[in-house]
Amino acid sequence: MSYVPPPASAAPGSIPNHLAWAIIATVLATCLCCPLGLVGIVAIVFSAKVNGLLAQGDIAGAQRASANAKTWCWVATALAIIGLLINIVMFATGGAESYLQMIQQYQ
């Protein structure tokens, strides 16, 4: 019988789960942009998997989940920034009401 060493375990804090970033980016993207910001839920799901996979000893799986969470966090953050820029432009130009008045003047 041969000896099989136990799997190397990573410290719980060594692989980031990005959960706080995922939640904040999802809320901001949904509020500032549109329902498209809900893609941040994917980031939350992957973030939630990281600690469970670490507890099971699946370090490679935890690293993949962390990388996927980070990618989706960036997507949600980009949507939040785009939504913020759209809101700034709409506010600076007078909003939808000003746009409707401009259209009526052209007609």
PDB file of N, CA and C in Angstrom:
ATOM      1  N   MET A   1       0.844  -1.166   0.000  1.00  0.00           N
ATOM      2  CA  MET A   1       0.000   0.000   0.000  1.00  0.00           C
ATOM      3  C   MET A   1       0.893   1.235   0.000  1.00  0.00           C
ATOM      4  N   SER A   2       0.585   2.175  -0.869  1.00  0.00           N
ATOM      5  CA  SER A   2       1.409   3.375  -0.963  1.00  0.00           C
ATOM      6  C   SER A   2       0.747   4.533  -0.215  1.00  0.00           C
ATOM      7  N   TYR A   3       1.597   5.412   0.208  1.00  0.00           N
ATOM      8  CA  TYR A   3       1.120   6.567   0.971  1.00  0.00           C
ATOM      9  C   TYR A   3       0.708   7.673   0.002  1.00  0.00           C
ATOM     10  N   VAL A   4      -0.497   8.207   0.197  1.00  0.00           N
ATOM     11  CA  VAL A   4      -0.983   9.323  -0.610  1.00  0.00           C
ATOM     12  C   VAL A   4      -1.070  10.531   0.318  1.00  0.00           C
ATOM     13  N   PRO A   5      -0.289  11.562   0.036  1.00  0.00           N
ATOM     14  CA  PRO A   5      -0.317  12.722   0.913  1.00  0.00           C
ATOM     15  C   PRO A   5      -1.656  13.461   0.784  1.00  0.00           C
ATOM     16  N   PRO A   6      -2.074  14.087   1.868  1.00  0.00           N
ATOM     17  CA  PRO A   6      -3.325  14.842   1.792  1.00  0.00           C
ATOM     18  C   PRO A   6      -3.164  16.037   0.852  1.00  0.00           C
ATOM     19  N   PRO A   7      -4.269  16.472   0.262  1.00  0.00           N
ATOM     20  CA  PRO A   7      -4.159  17.602  -0.665  1.00  0.00           C
ATOM     21  C   PRO A   7      -3.689  18.857   0.062  1.00  0.00           C
ATOM     22  N   ALA A   8      -2.889  19.625  -0.652  1.00  0.00           N
ATOM     23  CA  ALA A   8      -2.401  20.874  -0.063  1.00  0.00           C
ATOM     24  C   ALA A   8      -3.583  21.812   0.104  1.00  0.00           C
ATOM     25  N   SER A   9      -3.742  22.310   1.286  1.00  0.00           N
ATOM     26  CA  SER A   9      -4.883  23.200   1.519  1.00  0.00           C
ATOM     27  C   SER A   9      -4.401  24.638   1.541  1.00  0.00           C
ATOM     28  N   ALA A  10      -5.175  25.465   0.914  1.00  0.00           N
ATOM     29  CA  ALA A  10      -4.860  26.889   0.905  1.00  0.00           C
ATOM     30  C   ALA A  10      -5.550  27.538   2.091  1.00  0.00           C
ATOM     31  N   ALA A  11      -4.942  28.547   2.597  1.00  0.00           N
ATOM     32  CA  ALA A  11      -5.568  29.279   3.694  1.00  0.00           C
ATOM     33  C   ALA A  11      -6.844  29.918   3.174  1.00  0.00           C
ATOM     34  N   PRO A  12      -7.894  30.002   3.998  1.00  0.00           N
ATOM     35  CA  PRO A  12      -9.172  30.545   3.538  1.00  0.00           C
ATOM     36  C   PRO A  12      -9.061  31.942   2.945  1.00  0.00           C
ATOM     37  N   GLY A  13      -8.124  32.738   3.382  1.00  0.00           N
ATOM     38  CA  GLY A  13      -8.004  34.087   2.868  1.00  0.00           C
ATOM     39  C   GLY A  13      -7.054  34.214   1.695  1.00  0.00           C
ATOM     40  N   SER A  14      -6.428  33.107   1.277  1.00  0.00           N
ATOM     41  CA  SER A  14      -5.428  33.206   0.225  1.00  0.00           C
ATOM     42  C   SER A  14      -6.029  33.337  -1.171  1.00  0.00           C
ATOM     43  N   ILE A  15      -7.238  32.855  -1.360  1.00  0.00           N
ATOM     44  CA  ILE A  15      -7.922  32.997  -2.647  1.00  0.00           C
ATOM     45  C   ILE A  15      -9.103  33.939  -2.421  1.00  0.00           C
ATOM     46  N   PRO A  16      -9.070  35.117  -3.039  1.00  0.00           N
ATOM     47  CA  PRO A  16     -10.135  36.089  -2.793  1.00  0.00           C
ATOM     48  C   PRO A  16     -11.448  35.640  -3.422  1.00  0.00           C
ATOM     49  N   ASN A  17     -12.551  35.902  -2.716  1.00  0.00           N
ATOM     50  CA  ASN A  17     -13.842  35.516  -3.274  1.00  0.00           C
ATOM     51  C   ASN A  17     -14.558  36.678  -3.969  1.00  0.00           C
ATOM     52  N   HIS A  18     -14.113  37.905  -3.773  1.00  0.00           N
ATOM     53  CA  HIS A  18     -14.663  39.087  -4.445  1.00  0.00           C
ATOM     54  C   HIS A  18     -16.158  39.286  -4.176  1.00  0.00           C
ATOM     55  N   LEU A  19     -16.659  38.774  -3.067  1.00  0.00           N
ATOM     56  CA  LEU A  19     -18.095  38.828  -2.801  1.00  0.00           C
ATOM     57  C   LEU A  19     -18.590  40.260  -2.575  1.00  0.00           C
ATOM     58  N   ALA A  20     -17.858  41.034  -1.804  1.00  0.00           N
ATOM     59  CA  ALA A  20     -18.295  42.419  -1.547  1.00  0.00           C
ATOM     60  C   ALA A  20     -18.316  43.219  -2.848  1.00  0.00           C
ATOM     61  N   TRP A  21     -17.276  43.064  -3.650  1.00  0.00           N
ATOM     62  CA  TRP A  21     -17.214  43.759  -4.937  1.00  0.00           C
ATOM     63  C   TRP A  21     -18.387  43.343  -5.826  1.00  0.00           C
ATOM     64  N   ALA A  22     -18.699  42.038  -5.840  1.00  0.00           N
ATOM     65  CA  ALA A  22     -19.783  41.529  -6.675  1.00  0.00           C
ATOM     66  C   ALA A  22     -21.122  42.130  -6.261  1.00  0.00           C
ATOM     67  N   ILE A  23     -21.368  42.213  -4.961  1.00  0.00           N
ATOM     68  CA  ILE A  23     -22.640  42.748  -4.480  1.00  0.00           C
ATOM     69  C   ILE A  23     -22.744  44.236  -4.796  1.00  0.00           C
ATOM     70  N   ILE A  24     -21.705  44.989  -4.503  1.00  0.00           N
ATOM     71  CA  ILE A  24     -21.737  46.434  -4.742  1.00  0.00           C
ATOM     72  C   ILE A  24     -21.875  46.734  -6.233  1.00  0.00           C
ATOM     73  N   ALA A  25     -21.112  46.037  -7.065  1.00  0.00           N
ATOM     74  CA  ALA A  25     -21.179  46.269  -8.508  1.00  0.00           C
ATOM     75  C   ALA A  25     -22.555  45.908  -9.062  1.00  0.00           C
ATOM     76  N   THR A  26     -23.152  44.833  -8.555  1.00  0.00           N
ATOM     77  CA  THR A  26     -24.475  44.424  -9.022  1.00  0.00           C
ATOM     78  C   THR A  26     -25.521  45.465  -8.662  1.00  0.00           C
ATOM     79  N   VAL A  27     -25.495  45.940  -7.433  1.00  0.00           N
ATOM     80  CA  VAL A  27     -26.479  46.941  -7.001  1.00  0.00           C
ATOM     81  C   VAL A  27     -26.308  48.232  -7.795  1.00  0.00           C
ATOM     82  N   LEU A  28     -25.087  48.701  -7.924  1.00  0.00           N
ATOM     83  CA  LEU A  28     -24.849  49.949  -8.656  1.00  0.00           C
ATOM     84  C   LEU A  28     -25.192  49.808 -10.132  1.00  0.00           C
ATOM     85  N   ALA A  29     -24.816  48.700 -10.755  1.00  0.00           N
ATOM     86  CA  ALA A  29     -25.106  48.509 -12.173  1.00  0.00           C
ATOM     87  C   ALA A  29     -26.604  48.430 -12.415  1.00  0.00           C
ATOM     88  N   THR A  30     -27.325  47.788 -11.521  1.00  0.00           N
ATOM     89  CA  THR A  30     -28.768  47.671 -11.685  1.00  0.00           C
ATOM     90  C   THR A  30     -29.455  49.011 -11.461  1.00  0.00           C
ATOM     91  N   CYS A  31     -29.005  49.768 -10.487  1.00  0.00           N
ATOM     92  CA  CYS A  31     -29.629  51.064 -10.197  1.00  0.00           C
ATOM     93  C   CYS A  31     -29.252  52.125 -11.230  1.00  0.00           C
ATOM     94  N   LEU A  32     -28.018  52.158 -11.657  1.00  0.00           N
ATOM     95  CA  LEU A  32     -27.555  53.214 -12.555  1.00  0.00           C
ATOM     96  C   LEU A  32     -27.785  52.901 -14.025  1.00  0.00           C
ATOM     97  N   CYS A  33     -27.733  51.655 -14.376  1.00  0.00           N
ATOM     98  CA  CYS A  33     -27.774  51.315 -15.798  1.00  0.00           C
ATOM     99  C   CYS A  33     -29.173  50.855 -16.197  1.00  0.00           C
ATOM    100  N   CYS A  34     -29.460  49.654 -15.930  1.00  0.00           N
ATOM    101  CA  CYS A  34     -30.716  49.059 -16.359  1.00  0.00           C
ATOM    102  C   CYS A  34     -30.773  47.636 -15.793  1.00  0.00           C
ATOM    103  N   PRO A  35     -31.813  46.908 -16.095  1.00  0.00           N
ATOM    104  CA  PRO A  35     -31.842  45.517 -15.631  1.00  0.00           C
ATOM    105  C   PRO A  35     -30.692  44.673 -16.162  1.00  0.00           C
ATOM    106  N   LEU A  36     -29.992  45.173 -17.165  1.00  0.00           N
ATOM    107  CA  LEU A  36     -28.821  44.462 -17.674  1.00  0.00           C
ATOM    108  C   LEU A  36     -27.745  44.338 -16.586  1.00  0.00           C
ATOM    109  N   GLY A  37     -27.803  45.222 -15.597  1.00  0.00           N
ATOM    110  CA  GLY A  37     -26.860  45.171 -14.492  1.00  0.00           C
ATOM    111  C   GLY A  37     -26.994  43.926 -13.644  1.00  0.00           C
ATOM    112  N   LEU A  38     -28.087  43.206 -13.837  1.00  0.00           N
ATOM    113  CA  LEU A  38     -28.285  41.982 -13.064  1.00  0.00           C
ATOM    114  C   LEU A  38     -27.329  40.863 -13.459  1.00  0.00           C
ATOM    115  N   VAL A  39     -26.494  41.088 -14.478  1.00  0.00           N
ATOM    116  CA  VAL A  39     -25.474  40.089 -14.800  1.00  0.00           C
ATOM    117  C   VAL A  39     -24.498  39.949 -13.641  1.00  0.00           C
ATOM    118  N   GLY A  40     -24.492  40.924 -12.747  1.00  0.00           N
ATOM    119  CA  GLY A  40     -23.651  40.841 -11.558  1.00  0.00           C
ATOM    120  C   GLY A  40     -24.030  39.685 -10.652  1.00  0.00           C
ATOM    121  N   ILE A  41     -25.236  39.162 -10.813  1.00  0.00           N
ATOM    122  CA  ILE A  41     -25.647  38.000 -10.010  1.00  0.00           C
ATOM    123  C   ILE A  41     -24.741  36.817 -10.324  1.00  0.00           C
ATOM    124  N   VAL A  42     -24.285  36.730 -11.559  1.00  0.00           N
ATOM    125  CA  VAL A  42     -23.357  35.659 -11.928  1.00  0.00           C
ATOM    126  C   VAL A  42     -22.076  35.793 -11.099  1.00  0.00           C
ATOM    127  N   ALA A  43     -21.617  37.034 -10.920  1.00  0.00           N
ATOM    128  CA  ALA A  43     -20.425  37.265 -10.096  1.00  0.00           C
ATOM    129  C   ALA A  43     -20.675  36.847  -8.656  1.00  0.00           C
ATOM    130  N   ILE A  44     -21.869  37.137  -8.148  1.00  0.00           N
ATOM    131  CA  ILE A  44     -22.193  36.755  -6.766  1.00  0.00           C
ATOM    132  C   ILE A  44     -22.195  35.238  -6.619  1.00  0.00           C
ATOM    133  N   VAL A  45     -22.733  34.540  -7.601  1.00  0.00           N
ATOM    134  CA  VAL A  45     -22.782  33.072  -7.537  1.00  0.00           C
ATOM    135  C   VAL A  45     -21.373  32.483  -7.531  1.00  0.00           C
ATOM    136  N   PHE A  46     -20.522  32.967  -8.440  1.00  0.00           N
ATOM    137  CA  PHE A  46     -19.148  32.452  -8.465  1.00  0.00           C
ATOM    138  C   PHE A  46     -18.403  32.825  -7.185  1.00  0.00           C
ATOM    139  N   SER A  47     -18.664  34.010  -6.646  1.00  0.00           N
ATOM    140  CA  SER A  47     -18.015  34.435  -5.404  1.00  0.00           C
ATOM    141  C   SER A  47     -18.413  33.537  -4.245  1.00  0.00           C
ATOM    142  N   ALA A  48     -19.675  33.171  -4.231  1.00  0.00           N
ATOM    143  CA  ALA A  48     -20.162  32.320  -3.147  1.00  0.00           C
ATOM    144  C   ALA A  48     -19.582  30.910  -3.215  1.00  0.00           C
ATOM    145  N   LYS A  49     -19.186  30.470  -4.393  1.00  0.00           N
ATOM    146  CA  LYS A  49     -18.625  29.123  -4.552  1.00  0.00           C
ATOM    147  C   LYS A  49     -17.208  28.999  -4.006  1.00  0.00           C
ATOM    148  N   VAL A  50     -16.476  30.105  -3.956  1.00  0.00           N
ATOM    149  CA  VAL A  50     -15.046  30.044  -3.636  1.00  0.00           C
ATOM    150  C   VAL A  50     -14.802  29.400  -2.271  1.00  0.00           C
ATOM    151  N   ASN A  51     -15.444  29.902  -1.226  1.00  0.00           N
ATOM    152  CA  ASN A  51     -15.180  29.372   0.120  1.00  0.00           C
ATOM    153  C   ASN A  51     -15.617  27.919   0.268  1.00  0.00           C
ATOM    154  N   GLY A  52     -16.713  27.546  -0.382  1.00  0.00           N
ATOM    155  CA  GLY A  52     -17.153  26.155  -0.327  1.00  0.00           C
ATOM    156  C   GLY A  52     -16.165  25.218  -0.990  1.00  0.00           C
ATOM    157  N   LEU A  53     -15.643  25.638  -2.108  1.00  0.00           N
ATOM    158  CA  LEU A  53     -14.653  24.809  -2.801  1.00  0.00           C
ATOM    159  C   LEU A  53     -13.356  24.707  -2.002  1.00  0.00           C
ATOM    160  N   LEU A  54     -12.982  25.804  -1.347  1.00  0.00           N
ATOM    161  CA  LEU A  54     -11.793  25.742  -0.482  1.00  0.00           C
ATOM    162  C   LEU A  54     -12.014  24.778   0.676  1.00  0.00           C
ATOM    163  N   ALA A  55     -13.205  24.813   1.249  1.00  0.00           N
ATOM    164  CA  ALA A  55     -13.504  23.921   2.379  1.00  0.00           C
ATOM    165  C   ALA A  55     -13.466  22.454   1.945  1.00  0.00           C
ATOM    166  N   GLN A  56     -13.815  22.182   0.684  1.00  0.00           N
ATOM    167  CA  GLN A  56     -13.773  20.818   0.164  1.00  0.00           C
ATOM    168  C   GLN A  56     -12.362  20.403  -0.246  1.00  0.00           C
ATOM    169  N   GLY A  57     -11.448  21.357  -0.283  1.00  0.00           N
ATOM    170  CA  GLY A  57     -10.079  21.061  -0.676  1.00  0.00           C
ATOM    171  C   GLY A  57      -9.826  21.195  -2.163  1.00  0.00           C
ATOM    172  N   ASP A  58     -10.809  21.693  -2.894  1.00  0.00           N
ATOM    173  CA  ASP A  58     -10.672  21.867  -4.340  1.00  0.00           C
ATOM    174  C   ASP A  58     -10.070  23.245  -4.621  1.00  0.00           C
ATOM    175  N   ILE A  59      -8.764  23.332  -4.527  1.00  0.00           N
ATOM    176  CA  ILE A  59      -8.073  24.613  -4.687  1.00  0.00           C
ATOM    177  C   ILE A  59      -8.157  25.107  -6.134  1.00  0.00           C
ATOM    178  N   ALA A  60      -7.989  24.208  -7.074  1.00  0.00           N
ATOM    179  CA  ALA A  60      -8.069  24.603  -8.491  1.00  0.00           C
ATOM    180  C   ALA A  60      -9.466  25.121  -8.817  1.00  0.00           C
ATOM    181  N   GLY A  61     -10.476  24.449  -8.305  1.00  0.00           N
ATOM    182  CA  GLY A  61     -11.852  24.894  -8.533  1.00  0.00           C
ATOM    183  C   GLY A  61     -12.120  26.240  -7.890  1.00  0.00           C
ATOM    184  N   ALA A  62     -11.564  26.450  -6.702  1.00  0.00           N
ATOM    185  CA  ALA A  62     -11.731  27.732  -6.019  1.00  0.00           C
ATOM    186  C   ALA A  62     -11.035  28.845  -6.791  1.00  0.00           C
ATOM    187  N   GLN A  63      -9.874  28.545  -7.357  1.00  0.00           N
ATOM    188  CA  GLN A  63      -9.170  29.553  -8.153  1.00  0.00           C
ATOM    189  C   GLN A  63      -9.945  29.892  -9.421  1.00  0.00           C
ATOM    190  N   ARG A  64     -10.539  28.877 -10.066  1.00  0.00           N
ATOM    191  CA  ARG A  64     -11.352  29.133 -11.261  1.00  0.00           C
ATOM    192  C   ARG A  64     -12.581  29.963 -10.907  1.00  0.00           C
ATOM    193  N   ALA A  65     -13.240  29.614  -9.809  1.00  0.00           N
ATOM    194  CA  ALA A  65     -14.423  30.363  -9.389  1.00  0.00           C
ATOM    195  C   ALA A  65     -14.059  31.804  -9.048  1.00  0.00           C
ATOM    196  N   SER A  66     -12.918  31.997  -8.409  1.00  0.00           N
ATOM    197  CA  SER A  66     -12.459  33.342  -8.072  1.00  0.00           C
ATOM    198  C   SER A  66     -12.171  34.154  -9.329  1.00  0.00           C
ATOM    199  N   ALA A  67     -11.538  33.527 -10.323  1.00  0.00           N
ATOM    200  CA  ALA A  67     -11.234  34.218 -11.577  1.00  0.00           C
ATOM    201  C   ALA A  67     -12.517  34.571 -12.329  1.00  0.00           C
ATOM    202  N   ASN A  68     -13.465  33.635 -12.351  1.00  0.00           N
ATOM    203  CA  ASN A  68     -14.751  33.916 -13.002  1.00  0.00           C
ATOM    204  C   ASN A  68     -15.499  35.030 -12.280  1.00  0.00           C
ATOM    205  N   ALA A  69     -15.474  35.007 -10.962  1.00  0.00           N
ATOM    206  CA  ALA A  69     -16.138  36.057 -10.182  1.00  0.00           C
ATOM    207  C   ALA A  69     -15.514  37.411 -10.493  1.00  0.00           C
ATOM    208  N   LYS A  70     -14.198  37.448 -10.580  1.00  0.00           N
ATOM    209  CA  LYS A  70     -13.515  38.711 -10.868  1.00  0.00           C
ATOM    210  C   LYS A  70     -13.892  39.236 -12.250  1.00  0.00           C
ATOM    211  N   THR A  71     -13.966  38.344 -13.237  1.00  0.00           N
ATOM    212  CA  THR A  71     -14.347  38.739 -14.591  1.00  0.00           C
ATOM    213  C   THR A  71     -15.750  39.334 -14.602  1.00  0.00           C
ATOM    214  N   TRP A  72     -16.696  38.652 -13.955  1.00  0.00           N
ATOM    215  CA  TRP A  72     -18.072  39.144 -13.940  1.00  0.00           C
ATOM    216  C   TRP A  72     -18.210  40.405 -13.091  1.00  0.00           C
ATOM    217  N   CYS A  73     -17.368  40.552 -12.089  1.00  0.00           N
ATOM    218  CA  CYS A  73     -17.355  41.801 -11.314  1.00  0.00           C
ATOM    219  C   CYS A  73     -16.946  42.969 -12.204  1.00  0.00           C
ATOM    220  N   TRP A  74     -15.943  42.750 -13.053  1.00  0.00           N
ATOM    221  CA  TRP A  74     -15.521  43.802 -13.975  1.00  0.00           C
ATOM    222  C   TRP A  74     -16.631  44.147 -14.959  1.00  0.00           C
ATOM    223  N   VAL A  75     -17.370  43.139 -15.420  1.00  0.00           N
ATOM    224  CA  VAL A  75     -18.488  43.396 -16.338  1.00  0.00           C
ATOM    225  C   VAL A  75     -19.549  44.250 -15.644  1.00  0.00           C
ATOM    226  N   ALA A  76     -19.916  43.876 -14.425  1.00  0.00           N
ATOM    227  CA  ALA A  76     -20.928  44.647 -13.684  1.00  0.00           C
ATOM    228  C   ALA A  76     -20.415  46.049 -13.375  1.00  0.00           C
ATOM    229  N   THR A  77     -19.131  46.180 -13.058  1.00  0.00           N
ATOM    230  CA  THR A  77     -18.557  47.496 -12.786  1.00  0.00           C
ATOM    231  C   THR A  77     -18.584  48.363 -14.045  1.00  0.00           C
ATOM    232  N   ALA A  78     -18.259  47.772 -15.187  1.00  0.00           N
ATOM    233  CA  ALA A  78     -18.300  48.521 -16.449  1.00  0.00           C
ATOM    234  C   ALA A  78     -19.715  48.996 -16.747  1.00  0.00           C
ATOM    235  N   LEU A  79     -20.712  48.147 -16.506  1.00  0.00           N
ATOM    236  CA  LEU A  79     -22.104  48.550 -16.715  1.00  0.00           C
ATOM    237  C   LEU A  79     -22.493  49.683 -15.771  1.00  0.00           C
ATOM    238  N   ALA A  80     -22.009  49.623 -14.539  1.00  0.00           N
ATOM    239  CA  ALA A  80     -22.300  50.694 -13.584  1.00  0.00           C
ATOM    240  C   ALA A  80     -21.684  52.010 -14.047  1.00  0.00           C
ATOM    241  N   ILE A  81     -20.456  51.956 -14.564  1.00  0.00           N
ATOM    242  CA  ILE A  81     -19.799  53.174 -15.049  1.00  0.00           C
ATOM    243  C   ILE A  81     -20.531  53.727 -16.270  1.00  0.00           C
ATOM    244  N   ILE A  82     -20.922  52.853 -17.186  1.00  0.00           N
ATOM    245  CA  ILE A  82     -21.679  53.290 -18.368  1.00  0.00           C
ATOM    246  C   ILE A  82     -22.999  53.925 -17.942  1.00  0.00           C
ATOM    247  N   GLY A  83     -23.684  53.298 -16.995  1.00  0.00           N
ATOM    248  CA  GLY A  83     -24.940  53.861 -16.499  1.00  0.00           C
ATOM    249  C   GLY A  83     -24.739  55.210 -15.842  1.00  0.00           C
ATOM    250  N   LEU A  84     -23.658  55.347 -15.097  1.00  0.00           N
ATOM    251  CA  LEU A  84     -23.363  56.629 -14.452  1.00  0.00           C
ATOM    252  C   LEU A  84     -23.111  57.710 -15.501  1.00  0.00           C
ATOM    253  N   LEU A  85     -22.354  57.376 -16.539  1.00  0.00           N
ATOM    254  CA  LEU A  85     -22.088  58.342 -17.603  1.00  0.00           C
ATOM    255  C   LEU A  85     -23.374  58.727 -18.334  1.00  0.00           C
ATOM    256  N   ILE A  86     -24.235  57.770 -18.595  1.00  0.00           N
ATOM    257  CA  ILE A  86     -25.522  58.072 -19.239  1.00  0.00           C
ATOM    258  C   ILE A  86     -26.348  59.000 -18.366  1.00  0.00           C
ATOM    259  N   ASN A  87     -26.376  58.724 -17.066  1.00  0.00           N
ATOM    260  CA  ASN A  87     -27.138  59.586 -16.151  1.00  0.00           C
ATOM    261  C   ASN A  87     -26.555  60.996 -16.102  1.00  0.00           C
ATOM    262  N   ILE A  88     -25.249  61.123 -16.122  1.00  0.00           N
ATOM    263  CA  ILE A  88     -24.617  62.450 -16.108  1.00  0.00           C
ATOM    264  C   ILE A  88     -24.972  63.218 -17.378  1.00  0.00           C
ATOM    265  N   VAL A  89     -24.897  62.543 -18.525  1.00  0.00           N
ATOM    266  CA  VAL A  89     -25.232  63.195 -19.788  1.00  0.00           C
ATOM    267  C   VAL A  89     -26.704  63.602 -19.808  1.00  0.00           C
ATOM    268  N   MET A  90     -27.579  62.729 -19.360  1.00  0.00           N
ATOM    269  CA  MET A  90     -29.013  63.054 -19.334  1.00  0.00           C
ATOM    270  C   MET A  90     -29.282  64.237 -18.407  1.00  0.00           C
ATOM    271  N   PHE A  91     -28.632  64.274 -17.270  1.00  0.00           N
ATOM    272  CA  PHE A  91     -28.824  65.376 -16.331  1.00  0.00           C
ATOM    273  C   PHE A  91     -28.267  66.675 -16.901  1.00  0.00           C
ATOM    274  N   ALA A  92     -27.114  66.604 -17.552  1.00  0.00           N
ATOM    275  CA  ALA A  92     -26.466  67.803 -18.097  1.00  0.00           C
ATOM    276  C   ALA A  92     -27.238  68.379 -19.277  1.00  0.00           C
ATOM    277  N   THR A  93     -27.912  67.537 -20.031  1.00  0.00           N
ATOM    278  CA  THR A  93     -28.644  68.016 -21.202  1.00  0.00           C
ATOM    279  C   THR A  93     -30.101  68.316 -20.914  1.00  0.00           C
ATOM    280  N   GLY A  94     -30.538  68.175 -19.708  1.00  0.00           N
ATOM    281  CA  GLY A  94     -31.911  68.513 -19.355  1.00  0.00           C
ATOM    282  C   GLY A  94     -32.838  67.324 -19.239  1.00  0.00           C
ATOM    283  N   GLY A  95     -32.370  66.165 -19.519  1.00  0.00           N
ATOM    284  CA  GLY A  95     -33.159  64.966 -19.330  1.00  0.00           C
ATOM    285  C   GLY A  95     -34.129  64.687 -20.462  1.00  0.00           C
ATOM    286  N   ALA A  96     -35.035  63.763 -20.231  1.00  0.00           N
ATOM    287  CA  ALA A  96     -35.982  63.328 -21.251  1.00  0.00           C
ATOM    288  C   ALA A  96     -36.979  64.426 -21.592  1.00  0.00           C
ATOM    289  N   GLU A  97     -37.338  65.224 -20.611  1.00  0.00           N
ATOM    290  CA  GLU A  97     -38.314  66.294 -20.860  1.00  0.00           C
ATOM    291  C   GLU A  97     -37.754  67.307 -21.851  1.00  0.00           C
ATOM    292  N   SER A  98     -36.522  67.676 -21.694  1.00  0.00           N
ATOM    293  CA  SER A  98     -35.870  68.598 -22.621  1.00  0.00           C
ATOM    294  C   SER A  98     -35.777  67.980 -24.016  1.00  0.00           C
ATOM    295  N   TYR A  99     -35.515  66.700 -24.080  1.00  0.00           N
ATOM    296  CA  TYR A  99     -35.442  66.008 -25.364  1.00  0.00           C
ATOM    297  C   TYR A  99     -36.794  66.043 -26.064  1.00  0.00           C
ATOM    298  N   LEU A 100     -37.874  65.789 -25.336  1.00  0.00           N
ATOM    299  CA  LEU A 100     -39.211  65.823 -25.925  1.00  0.00           C
ATOM    300  C   LEU A 100     -39.569  67.227 -26.415  1.00  0.00           C
ATOM    301  N   GLN A 101     -39.185  68.252 -25.683  1.00  0.00           N
ATOM    302  CA  GLN A 101     -39.432  69.624 -26.111  1.00  0.00           C
ATOM    303  C   GLN A 101     -38.673  69.932 -27.401  1.00  0.00           C
ATOM    304  N   MET A 102     -37.450  69.454 -27.512  1.00  0.00           N
ATOM    305  CA  MET A 102     -36.654  69.668 -28.716  1.00  0.00           C
ATOM    306  C   MET A 102     -37.320  69.001 -29.905  1.00  0.00           C
ATOM    307  N   ILE A 103     -37.832  67.782 -29.727  1.00  0.00           N
ATOM    308  CA  ILE A 103     -38.511  67.065 -30.816  1.00  0.00           C
ATOM    309  C   ILE A 103     -39.768  67.810 -31.245  1.00  0.00           C
ATOM    310  N   GLN A 104     -40.505  68.346 -30.282  1.00  0.00           N
ATOM    311  CA  GLN A 104     -41.726  69.093 -30.609  1.00  0.00           C
ATOM    312  C   GLN A 104     -41.383  70.363 -31.374  1.00  0.00           C
ATOM    313  N   GLN A 105     -40.285  71.011 -31.070  1.00  0.00           N
ATOM    314  CA  GLN A 105     -39.882  72.210 -31.784  1.00  0.00           C
ATOM    315  C   GLN A 105     -39.530  71.891 -33.230  1.00  0.00           C
ATOM    316  N   TYR A 106     -38.931  70.735 -33.481  1.00  0.00           N
ATOM    317  CA  TYR A 106     -38.589  70.361 -34.839  1.00  0.00           C
ATOM    318  C   TYR A 106     -39.820  70.046 -35.675  1.00  0.00           C
ATOM    319  N   GLN A 107     -40.866  69.575 -35.005  1.00  0.00           N
ATOM    320  CA  GLN A 107     -42.083  69.217 -35.736  1.00  0.00           C
ATOM    321  C   GLN A 107     -42.832  70.490 -36.025  1.00  0.00           C
TER     322      GLN A 107
END
